[in-house]
Protein backbone atom coordinates (compact mmCIF):
# COMPACT_ATOMS: atom_id res chain seq x y z
CA UNK A 1 162.18 47.16 49.07
CA UNK A 2 164.52 45.70 52.09
CA UNK A 3 164.64 41.69 52.27
CA UNK A 4 165.26 39.68 55.80
CA UNK A 5 166.93 37.11 56.64
CA UNK A 6 163.40 35.69 58.70
CA UNK A 7 164.10 32.33 60.58
CA UNK A 8 166.87 30.95 57.66
CA UNK A 9 169.52 29.14 58.75
CA UNK A 10 172.12 26.66 56.81
CA UNK A 11 170.36 23.99 57.89
CA UNK A 12 167.76 24.84 56.09
CA UNK A 13 168.37 23.68 52.69
CA UNK A 14 169.70 20.42 54.35
CA UNK A 15 166.62 19.80 56.62
CA UNK A 16 164.71 20.24 53.14
CA UNK A 17 163.00 22.96 54.41
CA UNK A 18 161.67 25.33 51.88
CA UNK A 19 161.30 29.05 52.06
CA UNK A 20 158.75 31.58 50.48
CA UNK A 21 158.26 35.41 50.09
CA UNK A 22 155.91 37.18 51.69
CA UNK A 23 154.62 41.04 51.29
CA UNK A 24 154.20 43.48 53.76
CA UNK A 25 152.59 46.80 53.35
CA UNK A 26 151.98 49.54 56.14
CA UNK A 27 149.41 52.25 56.25
CA UNK A 28 148.60 55.23 58.65
CA UNK A 29 150.42 55.38 61.45
CA UNK A 30 152.23 52.05 61.07
CA UNK A 31 154.05 53.77 57.94
CA UNK A 32 155.15 56.48 60.03
CA UNK A 33 156.00 54.13 62.46
CA UNK A 34 158.20 52.17 60.35
CA UNK A 35 159.46 54.78 57.91
CA UNK A 36 158.32 52.07 54.99
CA UNK A 37 155.47 51.84 53.14
CA UNK A 38 156.12 48.25 52.42
CA UNK A 39 158.69 44.91 52.86
CA UNK A 40 159.48 41.40 51.52
CA UNK A 41 160.73 38.85 54.24
CA UNK A 42 161.81 36.19 53.21
CA UNK A 43 160.50 33.13 55.58
CA UNK A 44 160.89 29.34 56.05
CA UNK A 45 157.50 27.96 54.66
CA UNK A 46 154.85 27.56 57.19
CA UNK A 47 155.97 30.86 59.20
CA UNK A 48 153.22 32.03 61.44
CA UNK A 49 152.15 35.34 61.78
CA UNK A 50 153.30 35.73 65.20
CA UNK A 51 157.16 34.66 64.32
CA UNK A 52 156.90 37.39 61.17
CA UNK A 53 155.20 40.44 63.69
CA UNK A 54 157.82 39.57 66.50
CA UNK A 55 160.65 40.37 64.07
CA UNK A 56 159.14 43.19 62.93
CA UNK A 57 158.57 44.25 66.33
CA UNK A 58 162.32 43.86 66.51
CA UNK A 59 163.72 45.51 63.86
CA UNK A 60 161.52 48.27 63.93
CA UNK A 61 161.43 48.50 68.29
CA UNK A 62 158.99 51.35 69.69
CA UNK A 63 156.84 52.73 68.98
CA UNK A 64 155.96 49.60 66.51
CA UNK A 65 156.46 47.67 69.88
CA UNK A 66 154.22 47.45 72.10
CA UNK A 67 152.33 51.01 70.30
CA UNK A 68 151.21 47.87 67.14
CA UNK A 69 152.05 44.58 68.22
CA UNK A 70 153.37 43.48 71.71
CA UNK A 71 155.40 40.21 71.33
CA UNK A 72 155.67 39.43 75.04
CA UNK A 73 151.58 39.03 74.33
CA UNK A 74 151.70 37.93 71.03
CA UNK A 75 149.03 40.82 70.57
CA UNK A 76 148.49 42.60 67.79
CA UNK A 77 147.23 46.05 69.89
CA UNK A 78 143.38 46.90 69.77
CA UNK A 79 143.36 49.82 67.68
CA UNK A 80 145.07 48.41 64.56
CA UNK A 81 144.34 45.70 62.49
CA UNK A 82 146.38 42.81 60.49
CA UNK A 83 144.90 41.53 56.90
CA UNK A 84 146.53 38.72 55.01
CA UNK A 85 145.41 38.78 51.11
CA UNK A 86 142.93 40.98 52.71
CA UNK A 87 141.15 38.75 55.15
CA UNK A 88 141.28 40.23 58.90
CA UNK A 89 143.69 38.03 60.68
CA UNK A 90 140.07 37.75 63.27
CA UNK A 91 138.33 35.61 60.50
CA UNK A 92 141.43 33.41 60.34
CA UNK A 93 143.54 31.86 63.12
CA UNK A 94 144.46 35.19 64.39
CA UNK A 95 148.46 36.16 64.95
CA UNK A 96 148.94 31.91 64.99
CA UNK A 97 147.48 31.99 61.02
CA UNK A 98 150.25 30.34 58.62
CA UNK A 99 151.71 31.95 55.89
CA UNK A 100 152.30 30.89 52.50
CA UNK A 101 154.20 31.79 49.68
CA UNK A 102 153.51 35.08 47.68
CA UNK A 103 150.84 36.23 50.88
CA UNK A 104 150.35 39.54 51.39
CA UNK A 105 150.01 40.78 55.19
CA UNK A 106 148.41 44.99 55.46
CA UNK A 107 149.17 46.02 58.70
CA UNK A 108 146.93 49.62 59.56
CA UNK A 109 144.90 51.57 62.26
CA UNK A 110 141.60 50.45 62.40
CA UNK A 111 140.60 53.86 61.60
CA UNK A 112 142.67 56.22 58.73
CA UNK A 113 141.68 59.41 56.88
CA UNK A 114 142.67 61.59 55.01
């Protein structure tokens, strides 16, 4: 499992901000694009889903960006879905959903088989 220092600066502690850990699971075609099953990210508390997805797009590049998520449009492509703790982000606040410590984010194709 790889940990990414996402949005953490040396000033974070000085500003009194806390960090959180978020687990990400990659299923189906997303697993192929990332060549990973899961990751754990360290983020600033109250980071939005779009900031986390921006980081993944930067880290994984093509084909994750633009096939799964387009950072320029802040858009998860319609053939993929994102769940936070088992809830589809469309039932939350979409890519603007704020993440919390211990959240589990699942990135997967809309349809998967096998």
